[in-house]
Amino acid sequence: MENQTEFIQNSGKINPLLKFLLLIITILGIMIYPSWRLSSILLVIVILLFRVSRVSLKLSRNRIRFIIIFSILLFIFQVLITVNGTVLGFVIPQLNNFGPFFPITDYGIERGLSIASRFLLVVLSSMLFVAVTDPTILAHSLTRLKIPYRYSFALVIALRFLPLFDSENQVVRLAQKSRGIQPEMGGLRKILRTIQYTFFPLLVSSLSRVESLAISMDGRGFGYSSNRTYFRKSHWKIFDTVLVLAGIGYILLCSMLALGYLPFISAII
């Protein structure tokens, strides 16, 4: 936790609005040019940024496990439903007059890798953005774009409440576990029962915190003035402009690759 706080303070050299723009640009690029090679390269870069920023990917072992399992399921599903391309084999081979069923094609594997890698990239890059961005400075960056501070403050609350809801969820799960209630994932009925045991206590706890926050904001006169002062402010530097130009170049590269103007590069990525 101390390492994470230290990096957030050091990363103040990069404008928070730029981080948000880079997140959007990264996602937009892989949507324009959905190549699994490009997504994999960006995914490796994001994982390296986790390492450099000292943000642990083990913040929630169950969460990481779910993300990996879900990406594998996405890959398998795309492989099974895609019949276009060269057939490499069958999930169920032909046995006498039975089969074959569920062909595995090269295009299906490529599409499965593309979907799975894009999903991992979107999730992990979003987690990294939340971990290294100071919401207060991000709110000031948004107000400098003439966005009303009420809307930017709503974003600040959302970013600050995400870790809080996660910790509250862990507290609820531990409380249910101490009462002998274990999460069950064997079927739809058991999953709904687990959601019932965890969702409603979490909802009640969240509503009480939201009510306390609303009373606090009302007591401090939030929204009384059309302008708001900030103790900590964001600053746009030359390095931020360089990163924006790099992001624009990345979008142009993805667009040209999608249109087929760079066949030599598209053969690599």
C-alpha atoms as a PDB file:
ATOM      1  CA  MET A   1       0.000   0.000   0.000  1.00  0.00           C
ATOM      2  CA  GLU A   2       2.869   2.371   0.779  1.00  0.00           C
ATOM      3  CA  ASN A   3       4.542   1.554  -2.545  1.00  0.00           C
ATOM      4  CA  GLN A   4       1.288   2.221  -4.379  1.00  0.00           C
ATOM      5  CA  THR A   5       0.821   5.584  -2.633  1.00  0.00           C
ATOM      6  CA  GLU A   6       4.433   6.522  -3.376  1.00  0.00           C
ATOM      7  CA  PHE A   7       4.024   5.781  -7.071  1.00  0.00           C
ATOM      8  CA  ILE A   8       0.769   7.748  -7.262  1.00  0.00           C
ATOM      9  CA  GLN A   9       2.580  10.753  -5.854  1.00  0.00           C
ATOM     10  CA  ASN A  10       5.492  10.337  -8.268  1.00  0.00           C
ATOM     11  CA  SER A  11       3.168   9.815 -11.219  1.00  0.00           C
ATOM     12  CA  GLY A  12       1.764  13.297 -10.654  1.00  0.00           C
ATOM     13  CA  LYS A  13       4.267  14.447 -13.266  1.00  0.00           C
ATOM     14  CA  ILE A  14       1.882  12.991 -15.859  1.00  0.00           C
ATOM     15  CA  ASN A  15      -1.403  14.823 -16.164  1.00  0.00           C
ATOM     16  CA  PRO A  16      -4.327  12.630 -14.969  1.00  0.00           C
ATOM     17  CA  LEU A  17      -6.402  13.731 -17.942  1.00  0.00           C
ATOM     18  CA  LEU A  18      -3.627  12.436 -20.193  1.00  0.00           C
ATOM     19  CA  LYS A  19      -3.800   9.057 -18.457  1.00  0.00           C
ATOM     20  CA  PHE A  20      -7.532   8.955 -19.131  1.00  0.00           C
ATOM     21  CA  LEU A  21      -6.998   9.919 -22.779  1.00  0.00           C
ATOM     22  CA  LEU A  22      -4.297   7.275 -23.198  1.00  0.00           C
ATOM     23  CA  LEU A  23      -6.678   4.665 -21.778  1.00  0.00           C
ATOM     24  CA  ILE A  24      -9.353   5.658 -24.305  1.00  0.00           C
ATOM     25  CA  ILE A  25      -6.823   5.789 -27.147  1.00  0.00           C
ATOM     26  CA  THR A  26      -5.485   2.333 -26.289  1.00  0.00           C
ATOM     27  CA  ILE A  27      -8.954   0.792 -26.290  1.00  0.00           C
ATOM     28  CA  LEU A  28      -9.991   2.672 -29.419  1.00  0.00           C
ATOM     29  CA  GLY A  29      -6.894   1.483 -31.297  1.00  0.00           C
ATOM     30  CA  ILE A  30      -7.542  -2.216 -30.680  1.00  0.00           C
ATOM     31  CA  MET A  31     -11.171  -1.720 -31.707  1.00  0.00           C
ATOM     32  CA  ILE A  32     -10.093  -0.139 -35.004  1.00  0.00           C
ATOM     33  CA  TYR A  33      -7.473  -2.790 -35.695  1.00  0.00           C
ATOM     34  CA  PRO A  34      -8.496  -5.961 -33.797  1.00  0.00           C
ATOM     35  CA  SER A  35      -5.228  -7.853 -34.146  1.00  0.00           C
ATOM     36  CA  TRP A  36      -4.329 -10.331 -31.419  1.00  0.00           C
ATOM     37  CA  ARG A  37      -0.635  -9.588 -31.983  1.00  0.00           C
ATOM     38  CA  LEU A  38      -1.105  -5.853 -31.356  1.00  0.00           C
ATOM     39  CA  SER A  39      -3.328  -6.551 -28.339  1.00  0.00           C
ATOM     40  CA  SER A  40      -0.756  -8.975 -26.953  1.00  0.00           C
ATOM     41  CA  ILE A  41       2.049  -6.423 -27.355  1.00  0.00           C
ATOM     42  CA  LEU A  42      -0.002  -3.776 -25.556  1.00  0.00           C
ATOM     43  CA  LEU A  43      -0.956  -6.306 -22.887  1.00  0.00           C
ATOM     44  CA  VAL A  44       2.716  -7.031 -22.195  1.00  0.00           C
ATOM     45  CA  ILE A  45       3.365  -3.282 -21.958  1.00  0.00           C
ATOM     46  CA  VAL A  46       0.513  -2.887 -19.450  1.00  0.00           C
ATOM     47  CA  ILE A  47       1.850  -5.760 -17.331  1.00  0.00           C
ATOM     48  CA  LEU A  48       5.309  -4.148 -17.381  1.00  0.00           C
ATOM     49  CA  LEU A  49       3.703  -0.876 -16.281  1.00  0.00           C
ATOM     50  CA  PHE A  50       2.145  -2.752 -13.360  1.00  0.00           C
ATOM     51  CA  ARG A  51       5.646  -3.906 -12.483  1.00  0.00           C
ATOM     52  CA  VAL A  52       7.196  -0.450 -12.857  1.00  0.00           C
ATOM     53  CA  SER A  53       4.400   1.247 -10.921  1.00  0.00           C
ATOM     54  CA  ARG A  54       4.688  -1.299  -8.101  1.00  0.00           C
ATOM     55  CA  VAL A  55       0.970  -1.990  -8.306  1.00  0.00           C
ATOM     56  CA  SER A  56       0.419  -5.626  -7.454  1.00  0.00           C
ATOM     57  CA  LEU A  57      -1.734  -7.793  -9.691  1.00  0.00           C
ATOM     58  CA  LYS A  58      -2.486  -9.873  -6.596  1.00  0.00           C
ATOM     59  CA  LEU A  59      -4.782  -7.248  -5.087  1.00  0.00           C
ATOM     60  CA  SER A  60      -7.570  -9.806  -5.335  1.00  0.00           C
ATOM     61  CA  ARG A  61      -6.572 -13.356  -6.174  1.00  0.00           C
ATOM     62  CA  ASN A  62     -10.172 -14.376  -6.852  1.00  0.00           C
ATOM     63  CA  ARG A  63     -10.648 -11.400  -9.166  1.00  0.00           C
ATOM     64  CA  ILE A  64      -7.546 -12.191 -11.205  1.00  0.00           C
ATOM     65  CA  ARG A  65      -8.587 -15.840 -11.339  1.00  0.00           C
ATOM     66  CA  PHE A  66     -12.033 -14.867 -12.626  1.00  0.00           C
ATOM     67  CA  ILE A  67     -10.543 -12.572 -15.289  1.00  0.00           C
ATOM     68  CA  ILE A  68      -8.196 -15.290 -16.553  1.00  0.00           C
ATOM     69  CA  ILE A  69     -10.891 -17.999 -16.533  1.00  0.00           C
ATOM     70  CA  PHE A  70     -13.348 -15.711 -18.323  1.00  0.00           C
ATOM     71  CA  SER A  71     -10.781 -14.842 -21.001  1.00  0.00           C
ATOM     72  CA  ILE A  72     -10.094 -18.562 -21.551  1.00  0.00           C
ATOM     73  CA  LEU A  73     -13.842 -19.183 -21.888  1.00  0.00           C
ATOM     74  CA  LEU A  74     -14.057 -16.364 -24.431  1.00  0.00           C
ATOM     75  CA  PHE A  75     -11.253 -17.970 -26.423  1.00  0.00           C
ATOM     76  CA  ILE A  76     -12.871 -21.424 -26.363  1.00  0.00           C
ATOM     77  CA  PHE A  77     -16.292 -20.034 -27.268  1.00  0.00           C
ATOM     78  CA  GLN A  78     -14.927 -18.146 -30.286  1.00  0.00           C
ATOM     79  CA  VAL A  79     -13.011 -21.222 -31.458  1.00  0.00           C
ATOM     80  CA  LEU A  80     -16.143 -23.382 -31.241  1.00  0.00           C
ATOM     81  CA  ILE A  81     -18.561 -21.011 -33.004  1.00  0.00           C
ATOM     82  CA  THR A  82     -16.222 -19.858 -35.795  1.00  0.00           C
ATOM     83  CA  VAL A  83     -16.344 -22.160 -38.819  1.00  0.00           C
ATOM     84  CA  ASN A  84     -14.603 -19.901 -41.337  1.00  0.00           C
ATOM     85  CA  GLY A  85     -11.009 -20.546 -42.323  1.00  0.00           C
ATOM     86  CA  THR A  86      -8.837 -23.599 -42.789  1.00  0.00           C
ATOM     87  CA  VAL A  87      -9.978 -26.578 -40.744  1.00  0.00           C
ATOM     88  CA  LEU A  88      -7.179 -27.803 -38.473  1.00  0.00           C
ATOM     89  CA  GLY A  89      -9.180 -30.491 -36.713  1.00  0.00           C
ATOM     90  CA  PHE A  90     -12.356 -31.280 -34.854  1.00  0.00           C
ATOM     91  CA  VAL A  91     -13.251 -31.259 -31.192  1.00  0.00           C
ATOM     92  CA  ILE A  92     -15.227 -34.470 -31.763  1.00  0.00           C
ATOM     93  CA  PRO A  93     -13.563 -36.466 -34.571  1.00  0.00           C
ATOM     94  CA  GLN A  94     -15.395 -38.769 -36.928  1.00  0.00           C
ATOM     95  CA  LEU A  95     -16.076 -42.206 -35.524  1.00  0.00           C
ATOM     96  CA  ASN A  96     -17.692 -44.468 -38.143  1.00  0.00           C
ATOM     97  CA  ASN A  97     -20.916 -42.655 -39.031  1.00  0.00           C
ATOM     98  CA  PHE A  98     -20.762 -40.355 -36.009  1.00  0.00           C
ATOM     99  CA  GLY A  99     -19.277 -36.891 -36.433  1.00  0.00           C
ATOM    100  CA  PRO A 100     -17.207 -34.929 -36.966  1.00  0.00           C
ATOM    101  CA  PHE A 101     -18.460 -31.981 -34.904  1.00  0.00           C
ATOM    102  CA  PHE A 102     -17.138 -28.546 -33.892  1.00  0.00           C
ATOM    103  CA  PRO A 103     -14.381 -27.798 -36.411  1.00  0.00           C
ATOM    104  CA  ILE A 104     -11.302 -25.929 -35.208  1.00  0.00           C
ATOM    105  CA  THR A 105     -10.085 -23.422 -37.798  1.00  0.00           C
ATOM    106  CA  ASP A 106      -7.095 -21.134 -37.988  1.00  0.00           C
ATOM    107  CA  TYR A 107      -9.405 -18.124 -38.223  1.00  0.00           C
ATOM    108  CA  GLY A 108     -11.306 -19.318 -35.154  1.00  0.00           C
ATOM    109  CA  ILE A 109      -8.107 -19.543 -33.134  1.00  0.00           C
ATOM    110  CA  GLU A 110      -7.004 -16.117 -34.340  1.00  0.00           C
ATOM    111  CA  ARG A 111     -10.409 -14.611 -33.518  1.00  0.00           C
ATOM    112  CA  GLY A 112     -10.408 -16.271 -30.100  1.00  0.00           C
ATOM    113  CA  LEU A 113      -6.960 -14.878 -29.318  1.00  0.00           C
ATOM    114  CA  SER A 114      -8.086 -11.440 -30.497  1.00  0.00           C
ATOM    115  CA  ILE A 115     -11.210 -11.382 -28.293  1.00  0.00           C
ATOM    116  CA  ALA A 116      -9.431 -12.793 -25.222  1.00  0.00           C
ATOM    117  CA  SER A 117      -6.403 -10.501 -25.484  1.00  0.00           C
ATOM    118  CA  ARG A 118      -8.590  -7.428 -26.007  1.00  0.00           C
ATOM    119  CA  PHE A 119     -10.668  -8.334 -22.967  1.00  0.00           C
ATOM    120  CA  LEU A 120      -7.556  -8.728 -20.816  1.00  0.00           C
ATOM    121  CA  LEU A 121      -6.105  -5.481 -22.147  1.00  0.00           C
ATOM    122  CA  VAL A 122      -9.260  -3.467 -21.411  1.00  0.00           C
ATOM    123  CA  VAL A 123      -9.633  -4.866 -17.887  1.00  0.00           C
ATOM    124  CA  LEU A 124      -5.970  -4.624 -16.847  1.00  0.00           C
ATOM    125  CA  SER A 125      -5.413  -1.177 -18.364  1.00  0.00           C
ATOM    126  CA  SER A 126      -8.521   0.092 -16.562  1.00  0.00           C
ATOM    127  CA  MET A 127      -7.258  -1.393 -13.285  1.00  0.00           C
ATOM    128  CA  LEU A 128      -3.899   0.304 -13.805  1.00  0.00           C
ATOM    129  CA  PHE A 129      -5.558   3.651 -14.536  1.00  0.00           C
ATOM    130  CA  VAL A 130      -7.614   3.496 -11.335  1.00  0.00           C
ATOM    131  CA  ALA A 131      -4.571   2.455  -9.284  1.00  0.00           C
ATOM    132  CA  VAL A 132      -2.225   5.249 -10.411  1.00  0.00           C
ATOM    133  CA  THR A 133      -4.627   8.170 -10.852  1.00  0.00           C
ATOM    134  CA  ASP A 134      -5.407  10.675  -8.138  1.00  0.00           C
ATOM    135  CA  PRO A 135      -9.168  11.371  -8.483  1.00  0.00           C
ATOM    136  CA  THR A 136      -8.930  14.878  -7.025  1.00  0.00           C
ATOM    137  CA  ILE A 137      -6.335  16.050  -9.552  1.00  0.00           C
ATOM    138  CA  LEU A 138      -8.301  14.314 -12.314  1.00  0.00           C
ATOM    139  CA  ALA A 139     -11.363  16.330 -11.281  1.00  0.00           C
ATOM    140  CA  HIS A 140      -9.354  19.548 -11.583  1.00  0.00           C
ATOM    141  CA  SER A 141      -8.166  18.495 -15.041  1.00  0.00           C
ATOM    142  CA  LEU A 142     -11.753  17.958 -16.134  1.00  0.00           C
ATOM    143  CA  THR A 143     -12.883  21.327 -14.799  1.00  0.00           C
ATOM    144  CA  ARG A 144     -10.133  22.972 -16.853  1.00  0.00           C
ATOM    145  CA  LEU A 145     -11.970  21.577 -19.894  1.00  0.00           C
ATOM    146  CA  LYS A 146     -15.017  23.629 -18.818  1.00  0.00           C
ATOM    147  CA  ILE A 147     -16.789  20.533 -17.503  1.00  0.00           C
ATOM    148  CA  PRO A 148     -19.009  21.463 -14.505  1.00  0.00           C
ATOM    149  CA  TYR A 149     -17.332  20.423 -11.296  1.00  0.00           C
ATOM    150  CA  ARG A 150     -20.470  18.568 -10.195  1.00  0.00           C
ATOM    151  CA  TYR A 151     -19.923  16.023 -12.982  1.00  0.00           C
ATOM    152  CA  SER A 152     -16.189  15.740 -12.340  1.00  0.00           C
ATOM    153  CA  PHE A 153     -16.886  15.260  -8.643  1.00  0.00           C
ATOM    154  CA  ALA A 154     -19.226  12.393  -9.523  1.00  0.00           C
ATOM    155  CA  LEU A 155     -16.297  10.715 -11.276  1.00  0.00           C
ATOM    156  CA  VAL A 156     -14.109  11.343  -8.228  1.00  0.00           C
ATOM    157  CA  ILE A 157     -16.672   9.689  -5.965  1.00  0.00           C
ATOM    158  CA  ALA A 158     -16.903   6.683  -8.295  1.00  0.00           C
ATOM    159  CA  LEU A 159     -13.127   6.202  -8.365  1.00  0.00           C
ATOM    160  CA  ARG A 160     -12.816   6.601  -4.596  1.00  0.00           C
ATOM    161  CA  PHE A 161     -15.706   4.261  -3.833  1.00  0.00           C
ATOM    162  CA  LEU A 162     -14.439   1.397  -6.016  1.00  0.00           C
ATOM    163  CA  PRO A 163     -11.702   0.316  -3.546  1.00  0.00           C
ATOM    164  CA  LEU A 164     -14.086   0.981  -0.668  1.00  0.00           C
ATOM    165  CA  PHE A 165     -16.761  -1.282  -2.135  1.00  0.00           C
ATOM    166  CA  ASP A 166     -14.131  -3.946  -2.721  1.00  0.00           C
ATOM    167  CA  SER A 167     -13.037  -3.834   0.930  1.00  0.00           C
ATOM    168  CA  GLU A 168     -16.674  -3.848   2.056  1.00  0.00           C
ATOM    169  CA  ASN A 169     -17.271  -6.907  -0.108  1.00  0.00           C
ATOM    170  CA  GLN A 170     -14.376  -8.691   1.589  1.00  0.00           C
ATOM    171  CA  VAL A 171     -15.758  -7.771   5.023  1.00  0.00           C
ATOM    172  CA  VAL A 172     -19.204  -9.106   4.102  1.00  0.00           C
ATOM    173  CA  ARG A 173     -17.719 -12.349   2.774  1.00  0.00           C
ATOM    174  CA  LEU A 174     -15.655 -12.846   5.930  1.00  0.00           C
ATOM    175  CA  ALA A 175     -18.707 -12.135   8.078  1.00  0.00           C
ATOM    176  CA  GLN A 176     -20.768 -14.683   6.159  1.00  0.00           C
ATOM    177  CA  LYS A 177     -17.930 -17.183   6.352  1.00  0.00           C
ATOM    178  CA  SER A 178     -17.746 -16.775  10.143  1.00  0.00           C
ATOM    179  CA  ARG A 179     -21.442 -17.697  10.248  1.00  0.00           C
ATOM    180  CA  GLY A 180     -20.775 -20.868   8.267  1.00  0.00           C
ATOM    181  CA  ILE A 181     -22.071 -19.561   4.927  1.00  0.00           C
ATOM    182  CA  GLN A 182     -19.728 -20.517   2.099  1.00  0.00           C
ATOM    183  CA  PRO A 183     -19.972 -19.211  -1.490  1.00  0.00           C
ATOM    184  CA  GLU A 184     -21.587 -21.812  -3.751  1.00  0.00           C
ATOM    185  CA  MET A 185     -21.027 -21.930  -7.512  1.00  0.00           C
ATOM    186  CA  GLY A 186     -22.530 -25.324  -8.396  1.00  0.00           C
ATOM    187  CA  GLY A 187     -25.596 -24.070 -10.242  1.00  0.00           C
ATOM    188  CA  LEU A 188     -27.836 -21.106 -10.943  1.00  0.00           C
ATOM    189  CA  ARG A 189     -29.795 -21.540  -7.713  1.00  0.00           C
ATOM    190  CA  LYS A 190     -26.624 -21.686  -5.619  1.00  0.00           C
ATOM    191  CA  ILE A 191     -25.152 -18.666  -7.401  1.00  0.00           C
ATOM    192  CA  LEU A 192     -28.336 -16.653  -6.760  1.00  0.00           C
ATOM    193  CA  ARG A 193     -28.216 -17.702  -3.107  1.00  0.00           C
ATOM    194  CA  THR A 194     -24.594 -16.557  -2.826  1.00  0.00           C
ATOM    195  CA  ILE A 195     -25.476 -13.234  -4.447  1.00  0.00           C
ATOM    196  CA  GLN A 196     -28.342 -12.840  -1.990  1.00  0.00           C
ATOM    197  CA  TYR A 197     -26.038 -13.418   0.985  1.00  0.00           C
ATOM    198  CA  THR A 198     -23.436 -10.937  -0.218  1.00  0.00           C
ATOM    199  CA  PHE A 199     -25.300  -8.362  -2.328  1.00  0.00           C
ATOM    200  CA  PHE A 200     -27.921  -7.156   0.137  1.00  0.00           C
ATOM    201  CA  PRO A 201     -25.525  -6.569   3.079  1.00  0.00           C
ATOM    202  CA  LEU A 202     -23.173  -4.783   0.683  1.00  0.00           C
ATOM    203  CA  LEU A 203     -26.068  -2.699  -0.667  1.00  0.00           C
ATOM    204  CA  VAL A 204     -27.167  -1.659   2.838  1.00  0.00           C
ATOM    205  CA  SER A 205     -23.601  -0.754   3.822  1.00  0.00           C
ATOM    206  CA  SER A 206     -23.066   1.215   0.603  1.00  0.00           C
ATOM    207  CA  LEU A 207     -26.322   3.140   0.976  1.00  0.00           C
ATOM    208  CA  SER A 208     -25.400   4.138   4.518  1.00  0.00           C
ATOM    209  CA  ARG A 209     -22.034   5.445   3.343  1.00  0.00           C
ATOM    210  CA  VAL A 210     -23.645   7.309   0.447  1.00  0.00           C
ATOM    211  CA  GLU A 211     -26.141   8.897   2.833  1.00  0.00           C
ATOM    212  CA  SER A 212     -23.339   9.999   5.159  1.00  0.00           C
ATOM    213  CA  LEU A 213     -21.452  11.466   2.187  1.00  0.00           C
ATOM    214  CA  ALA A 214     -24.544  13.320   0.970  1.00  0.00           C
ATOM    215  CA  ILE A 215     -25.140  14.821   4.417  1.00  0.00           C
ATOM    216  CA  SER A 216     -21.471  15.844   4.635  1.00  0.00           C
ATOM    217  CA  MET A 217     -21.585  17.489   1.189  1.00  0.00           C
ATOM    218  CA  ASP A 218     -24.780  19.300   2.071  1.00  0.00           C
ATOM    219  CA  GLY A 219     -23.301  20.520   5.358  1.00  0.00           C
ATOM    220  CA  ARG A 220     -20.252  21.909   3.585  1.00  0.00           C
ATOM    221  CA  GLY A 221     -22.332  23.791   1.024  1.00  0.00           C
ATOM    222  CA  PHE A 222     -21.418  21.694  -2.001  1.00  0.00           C
ATOM    223  CA  GLY A 223     -22.957  23.231  -5.119  1.00  0.00           C
ATOM    224  CA  TYR A 224     -23.590  26.627  -3.535  1.00  0.00           C
ATOM    225  CA  SER A 225     -21.131  28.415  -5.831  1.00  0.00           C
ATOM    226  CA  SER A 226     -20.692  27.966  -9.562  1.00  0.00           C
ATOM    227  CA  ASN A 227     -16.906  27.920  -9.122  1.00  0.00           C
ATOM    228  CA  ARG A 228     -14.815  25.677  -6.924  1.00  0.00           C
ATOM    229  CA  THR A 229     -11.320  26.120  -5.524  1.00  0.00           C
ATOM    230  CA  TYR A 230      -8.715  23.342  -5.458  1.00  0.00           C
ATOM    231  CA  PHE A 231      -5.845  22.819  -3.070  1.00  0.00           C
ATOM    232  CA  ARG A 232      -4.035  20.488  -5.496  1.00  0.00           C
ATOM    233  CA  LYS A 233      -4.047  21.352  -9.175  1.00  0.00           C
ATOM    234  CA  SER A 234      -2.976  19.580 -12.345  1.00  0.00           C
ATOM    235  CA  HIS A 235      -0.416  21.008 -14.749  1.00  0.00           C
ATOM    236  CA  TRP A 236       0.029  20.293 -18.447  1.00  0.00           C
ATOM    237  CA  LYS A 237       3.663  19.890 -19.502  1.00  0.00           C
ATOM    238  CA  ILE A 238       5.561  19.440 -22.726  1.00  0.00           C
ATOM    239  CA  PHE A 239       5.989  15.723 -22.036  1.00  0.00           C
ATOM    240  CA  ASP A 240       2.196  15.400 -21.889  1.00  0.00           C
ATOM    241  CA  THR A 241       1.938  16.963 -25.330  1.00  0.00           C
ATOM    242  CA  VAL A 242       4.523  14.502 -26.652  1.00  0.00           C
ATOM    243  CA  LEU A 243       2.483  11.586 -25.293  1.00  0.00           C
ATOM    244  CA  VAL A 244      -0.674  12.976 -26.889  1.00  0.00           C
ATOM    245  CA  LEU A 245       1.078  13.175 -30.257  1.00  0.00           C
ATOM    246  CA  ALA A 246       2.298   9.596 -29.769  1.00  0.00           C
ATOM    247  CA  GLY A 247      -1.280   8.531 -29.025  1.00  0.00           C
ATOM    248  CA  ILE A 248      -2.551  10.255 -32.177  1.00  0.00           C
ATOM    249  CA  GLY A 249       0.178   8.510 -34.155  1.00  0.00           C
ATOM    250  CA  TYR A 250      -0.926   5.194 -32.658  1.00  0.00           C
ATOM    251  CA  ILE A 251      -4.535   5.812 -33.766  1.00  0.00           C
ATOM    252  CA  LEU A 252      -3.370   6.763 -37.271  1.00  0.00           C
ATOM    253  CA  LEU A 253      -1.233   3.612 -37.445  1.00  0.00           C
ATOM    254  CA  CYS A 254      -4.161   1.421 -36.398  1.00  0.00           C
ATOM    255  CA  SER A 255      -6.416   3.120 -38.980  1.00  0.00           C
ATOM    256  CA  MET A 256      -3.896   2.619 -41.790  1.00  0.00           C
ATOM    257  CA  LEU A 257      -3.399  -1.006 -40.788  1.00  0.00           C
ATOM    258  CA  ALA A 258      -7.151  -1.577 -40.763  1.00  0.00           C
ATOM    259  CA  LEU A 259      -7.454  -0.040 -44.256  1.00  0.00           C
ATOM    260  CA  GLY A 260      -4.621  -2.228 -45.571  1.00  0.00           C
ATOM    261  CA  TYR A 261      -2.198   0.583 -46.404  1.00  0.00           C
ATOM    262  CA  LEU A 262       0.713  -0.998 -44.532  1.00  0.00           C
ATOM    263  CA  PRO A 263       0.784  -4.680 -45.573  1.00  0.00           C
ATOM    264  CA  PHE A 264       4.346  -5.264 -44.387  1.00  0.00           C
ATOM    265  CA  ILE A 265       3.568  -4.044 -40.875  1.00  0.00           C
ATOM    266  CA  SER A 266       0.201  -5.819 -40.779  1.00  0.00           C
ATOM    267  CA  ALA A 267       1.982  -9.094 -41.529  1.00  0.00           C
ATOM    268  CA  ILE A 268       3.937  -8.609 -38.285  1.00  0.00           C
ATOM    269  CA  ILE A 269       1.271  -7.162 -36.006  1.00  0.00           C
END
